[in-house]
């Protein structure tokens, strides 16, 4: 017999953009918010999203263009997602 806790069923979500993320990254908050929304809506269509802190920054520059192409994203959408990911990564504890 299996017992699952609510925590084991809880899906982790990407951190919400904050004013601190915008200041630190030099990207306006509206771009980060758009990137966050696109990240959540497109990345989860095909697979579980990788939280920004779990992937090296250099790897996002390699992975994202291919994923953006597969998802049919426009260049400005890809840039917004990348800006969000890098801002979230730099704001993550231990970064």
N, C-alpha and C. Protein backbone atom coordinates (compact mmCIF):
# COMPACT_ATOMS: atom_id res chain seq x y z
N UNK A 1 0.84 -1.18 0.00
CA UNK A 1 0.00 0.00 0.00
C UNK A 1 0.89 1.24 0.00
N UNK A 2 0.53 2.24 -0.81
CA UNK A 2 1.29 3.48 -0.93
C UNK A 2 0.61 4.58 -0.13
N UNK A 3 1.42 5.38 0.49
CA UNK A 3 0.93 6.61 1.12
C UNK A 3 1.71 7.76 0.51
N UNK A 4 1.00 8.67 -0.09
CA UNK A 4 1.64 9.84 -0.69
C UNK A 4 1.26 11.07 0.11
N UNK A 5 2.22 11.88 0.38
CA UNK A 5 1.90 13.12 1.07
C UNK A 5 1.52 14.17 0.03
N UNK A 6 0.86 15.20 0.48
CA UNK A 6 0.51 16.29 -0.44
C UNK A 6 1.77 16.92 -1.02
N UNK A 7 2.82 16.96 -0.23
CA UNK A 7 4.06 17.57 -0.71
C UNK A 7 4.64 16.81 -1.89
N UNK A 8 4.47 15.49 -1.92
CA UNK A 8 5.03 14.72 -3.03
C UNK A 8 4.24 14.93 -4.31
N UNK A 9 3.02 15.37 -4.20
CA UNK A 9 2.19 15.63 -5.38
C UNK A 9 2.29 17.08 -5.84
N UNK A 10 2.87 17.91 -4.99
CA UNK A 10 2.96 19.33 -5.28
C UNK A 10 3.95 19.58 -6.42
N UNK A 11 3.53 20.31 -7.40
CA UNK A 11 4.38 20.64 -8.53
C UNK A 11 5.14 21.92 -8.22
N UNK A 12 6.44 21.88 -8.37
CA UNK A 12 7.24 23.08 -8.14
C UNK A 12 6.98 24.04 -9.29
N UNK A 13 6.96 25.30 -8.96
CA UNK A 13 6.75 26.29 -10.01
C UNK A 13 7.92 27.26 -10.04
N UNK A 14 8.08 27.87 -11.16
CA UNK A 14 9.15 28.85 -11.34
C UNK A 14 8.85 30.06 -10.46
N UNK A 15 9.88 30.65 -9.88
CA UNK A 15 9.66 31.80 -8.99
C UNK A 15 9.07 32.99 -9.74
N UNK A 16 8.21 33.70 -9.05
CA UNK A 16 7.62 34.90 -9.65
C UNK A 16 8.68 36.00 -9.77
N UNK A 17 8.62 36.76 -10.83
CA UNK A 17 9.55 37.88 -10.98
C UNK A 17 9.31 38.93 -9.90
N UNK A 18 10.37 39.52 -9.43
CA UNK A 18 10.27 40.56 -8.41
C UNK A 18 11.01 41.81 -8.87
N UNK A 19 10.74 42.90 -8.15
CA UNK A 19 11.45 44.15 -8.44
C UNK A 19 12.95 43.97 -8.21
N UNK A 20 13.31 43.18 -7.21
CA UNK A 20 14.73 42.93 -6.95
C UNK A 20 15.38 42.20 -8.12
N UNK A 21 14.68 41.23 -8.71
CA UNK A 21 15.20 40.53 -9.89
C UNK A 21 15.42 41.51 -11.03
N UNK A 22 14.47 42.40 -11.21
CA UNK A 22 14.57 43.38 -12.29
C UNK A 22 15.77 44.30 -12.07
N UNK A 23 15.93 44.78 -10.86
CA UNK A 23 17.04 45.67 -10.54
C UNK A 23 18.37 44.97 -10.74
N UNK A 24 18.50 43.78 -10.19
CA UNK A 24 19.75 43.03 -10.27
C UNK A 24 20.12 42.69 -11.70
N UNK A 25 19.12 42.30 -12.50
CA UNK A 25 19.38 41.86 -13.88
C UNK A 25 19.47 43.02 -14.86
N UNK A 26 18.96 44.19 -14.47
CA UNK A 26 18.94 45.32 -15.39
C UNK A 26 17.85 45.19 -16.45
N UNK A 27 16.87 44.34 -16.18
CA UNK A 27 15.76 44.12 -17.11
C UNK A 27 14.49 44.62 -16.45
N UNK A 28 13.63 45.31 -17.21
CA UNK A 28 12.43 45.84 -16.59
C UNK A 28 11.50 44.70 -16.15
N UNK A 29 10.76 44.98 -15.09
CA UNK A 29 9.91 43.97 -14.46
C UNK A 29 8.87 43.42 -15.44
N UNK A 30 8.34 44.26 -16.32
CA UNK A 30 7.31 43.78 -17.26
C UNK A 30 7.89 42.72 -18.22
N UNK A 31 9.14 42.88 -18.62
CA UNK A 31 9.78 41.86 -19.47
C UNK A 31 9.94 40.56 -18.71
N UNK A 32 10.36 40.64 -17.45
CA UNK A 32 10.51 39.43 -16.64
C UNK A 32 9.16 38.75 -16.41
N UNK A 33 8.13 39.54 -16.19
CA UNK A 33 6.79 38.97 -16.01
C UNK A 33 6.31 38.27 -17.28
N UNK A 34 6.58 38.88 -18.41
CA UNK A 34 6.20 38.26 -19.69
C UNK A 34 7.00 36.97 -19.90
N UNK A 35 8.29 37.01 -19.61
CA UNK A 35 9.12 35.83 -19.73
C UNK A 35 8.65 34.71 -18.83
N UNK A 36 8.26 35.05 -17.61
CA UNK A 36 7.74 34.07 -16.65
C UNK A 36 6.47 33.42 -17.19
N UNK A 37 5.56 34.23 -17.68
CA UNK A 37 4.30 33.71 -18.22
C UNK A 37 4.55 32.80 -19.42
N UNK A 38 5.42 33.21 -20.32
CA UNK A 38 5.76 32.38 -21.48
C UNK A 38 6.45 31.10 -21.06
N UNK A 39 7.35 31.19 -20.11
CA UNK A 39 8.07 30.03 -19.58
C UNK A 39 7.08 29.00 -19.05
N UNK A 40 6.13 29.47 -18.24
CA UNK A 40 5.15 28.55 -17.65
C UNK A 40 4.18 27.99 -18.69
N UNK A 41 3.79 28.77 -19.66
CA UNK A 41 2.80 28.29 -20.62
C UNK A 41 3.40 27.42 -21.73
N UNK A 42 4.63 27.67 -22.13
CA UNK A 42 5.21 26.92 -23.23
C UNK A 42 6.06 25.73 -22.78
N UNK A 43 6.85 25.91 -21.74
CA UNK A 43 7.76 24.83 -21.33
C UNK A 43 7.01 23.62 -20.80
N UNK A 44 5.86 23.86 -20.19
CA UNK A 44 5.11 22.75 -19.60
C UNK A 44 4.26 21.99 -20.61
N UNK A 45 4.21 22.44 -21.82
CA UNK A 45 3.44 21.72 -22.85
C UNK A 45 4.05 20.37 -23.17
N UNK A 46 5.38 20.32 -23.20
CA UNK A 46 6.07 19.10 -23.63
C UNK A 46 6.74 18.34 -22.50
N UNK A 47 7.10 19.02 -21.45
CA UNK A 47 7.83 18.36 -20.36
C UNK A 47 7.73 19.17 -19.08
N UNK A 48 8.16 18.57 -18.00
CA UNK A 48 8.23 19.28 -16.73
C UNK A 48 9.23 20.42 -16.90
N UNK A 49 8.90 21.60 -16.45
CA UNK A 49 9.85 22.71 -16.59
C UNK A 49 11.06 22.51 -15.69
N UNK A 50 12.19 22.93 -16.17
CA UNK A 50 13.40 22.96 -15.36
C UNK A 50 13.40 24.29 -14.64
N UNK A 51 13.47 24.25 -13.32
CA UNK A 51 13.51 25.50 -12.58
C UNK A 51 14.82 26.20 -12.89
N UNK A 52 14.79 27.51 -13.04
CA UNK A 52 16.00 28.23 -13.44
C UNK A 52 17.24 27.90 -12.62
N UNK A 53 17.10 27.69 -11.33
CA UNK A 53 18.26 27.45 -10.48
C UNK A 53 18.88 26.07 -10.71
N UNK A 54 18.19 25.16 -11.39
CA UNK A 54 18.70 23.80 -11.54
C UNK A 54 19.57 23.60 -12.78
N UNK A 55 19.68 24.61 -13.62
CA UNK A 55 20.46 24.50 -14.86
C UNK A 55 21.47 25.65 -14.89
N UNK A 56 22.69 25.35 -15.29
CA UNK A 56 23.73 26.37 -15.38
C UNK A 56 23.34 27.45 -16.40
N UNK A 57 23.72 28.69 -16.14
CA UNK A 57 23.38 29.81 -17.02
C UNK A 57 23.87 29.56 -18.45
N UNK A 58 25.08 29.05 -18.60
CA UNK A 58 25.63 28.79 -19.94
C UNK A 58 24.79 27.76 -20.68
N UNK A 59 24.23 26.82 -19.97
CA UNK A 59 23.41 25.78 -20.61
C UNK A 59 22.08 26.33 -21.13
N UNK A 60 21.51 27.32 -20.44
CA UNK A 60 20.26 27.92 -20.93
C UNK A 60 20.47 28.55 -22.30
N UNK A 61 21.64 29.14 -22.54
CA UNK A 61 21.92 29.76 -23.83
C UNK A 61 21.98 28.72 -24.95
N UNK A 62 22.29 27.48 -24.59
CA UNK A 62 22.35 26.39 -25.57
C UNK A 62 20.98 25.74 -25.75
N UNK A 63 20.29 25.49 -24.64
CA UNK A 63 19.03 24.76 -24.65
C UNK A 63 17.87 25.60 -25.18
N UNK A 64 17.79 26.84 -24.73
CA UNK A 64 16.62 27.66 -25.04
C UNK A 64 16.35 27.89 -26.53
N UNK A 65 17.35 28.19 -27.35
CA UNK A 65 17.03 28.41 -28.77
C UNK A 65 16.35 27.21 -29.44
N UNK A 66 16.80 26.02 -29.14
CA UNK A 66 16.17 24.84 -29.72
C UNK A 66 14.75 24.64 -29.23
N UNK A 67 14.55 24.84 -27.93
CA UNK A 67 13.21 24.69 -27.36
C UNK A 67 12.28 25.78 -27.89
N UNK A 68 12.79 27.00 -28.03
CA UNK A 68 11.97 28.10 -28.55
C UNK A 68 11.56 27.81 -29.99
N UNK A 69 12.49 27.26 -30.77
CA UNK A 69 12.17 26.91 -32.16
C UNK A 69 11.10 25.82 -32.19
N UNK A 70 11.26 24.79 -31.35
CA UNK A 70 10.26 23.71 -31.29
C UNK A 70 8.89 24.23 -30.90
N UNK A 71 8.85 25.23 -30.03
CA UNK A 71 7.58 25.77 -29.54
C UNK A 71 7.00 26.83 -30.48
N UNK A 72 7.75 27.21 -31.51
CA UNK A 72 7.27 28.22 -32.44
C UNK A 72 7.26 29.62 -31.85
N UNK A 73 8.17 29.88 -30.92
CA UNK A 73 8.21 31.20 -30.29
C UNK A 73 8.89 32.22 -31.19
N UNK A 74 8.47 33.44 -31.06
CA UNK A 74 9.09 34.55 -31.78
C UNK A 74 10.38 34.93 -31.06
N UNK A 75 11.32 35.55 -31.78
CA UNK A 75 12.59 35.94 -31.15
C UNK A 75 12.43 36.78 -29.88
N UNK A 76 11.48 37.73 -29.88
CA UNK A 76 11.28 38.56 -28.70
C UNK A 76 10.73 37.75 -27.53
N UNK A 77 9.95 36.70 -27.81
CA UNK A 77 9.46 35.83 -26.75
C UNK A 77 10.61 35.01 -26.16
N UNK A 78 11.47 34.51 -27.04
CA UNK A 78 12.65 33.77 -26.58
C UNK A 78 13.53 34.66 -25.70
N UNK A 79 13.73 35.91 -26.11
CA UNK A 79 14.56 36.83 -25.32
C UNK A 79 13.94 37.11 -23.96
N UNK A 80 12.61 37.26 -23.91
CA UNK A 80 11.93 37.51 -22.63
C UNK A 80 12.07 36.31 -21.70
N UNK A 81 11.95 35.11 -22.25
CA UNK A 81 12.11 33.91 -21.43
C UNK A 81 13.54 33.82 -20.91
N UNK A 82 14.51 34.05 -21.77
CA UNK A 82 15.91 33.97 -21.34
C UNK A 82 16.21 35.03 -20.27
N UNK A 83 15.70 36.24 -20.46
CA UNK A 83 15.91 37.29 -19.46
C UNK A 83 15.32 36.86 -18.11
N UNK A 84 14.11 36.30 -18.15
CA UNK A 84 13.48 35.82 -16.91
C UNK A 84 14.30 34.71 -16.27
N UNK A 85 14.69 33.72 -17.06
CA UNK A 85 15.44 32.58 -16.52
C UNK A 85 16.74 33.04 -15.86
N UNK A 86 17.49 33.89 -16.54
CA UNK A 86 18.76 34.34 -15.98
C UNK A 86 18.56 35.21 -14.74
N UNK A 87 17.51 36.03 -14.72
CA UNK A 87 17.21 36.84 -13.55
C UNK A 87 16.79 35.96 -12.38
N UNK A 88 15.96 34.96 -12.65
CA UNK A 88 15.52 34.05 -11.59
C UNK A 88 16.68 33.23 -11.06
N UNK A 89 17.56 32.82 -11.96
CA UNK A 89 18.73 32.04 -11.55
C UNK A 89 19.64 32.86 -10.65
N UNK A 90 19.88 34.10 -11.01
CA UNK A 90 20.77 34.93 -10.20
C UNK A 90 20.15 35.28 -8.85
N UNK A 91 18.82 35.26 -8.77
CA UNK A 91 18.13 35.57 -7.50
C UNK A 91 17.97 34.35 -6.60
N UNK A 92 18.23 33.15 -7.15
CA UNK A 92 18.06 31.92 -6.38
C UNK A 92 19.09 31.84 -5.25
N UNK A 93 18.67 31.32 -4.11
CA UNK A 93 19.63 31.16 -3.01
C UNK A 93 20.84 30.33 -3.44
N UNK A 94 22.01 30.79 -3.07
CA UNK A 94 23.23 30.07 -3.40
C UNK A 94 23.81 30.39 -4.75
N UNK A 95 23.19 31.32 -5.49
CA UNK A 95 23.70 31.68 -6.82
C UNK A 95 24.81 32.69 -6.72
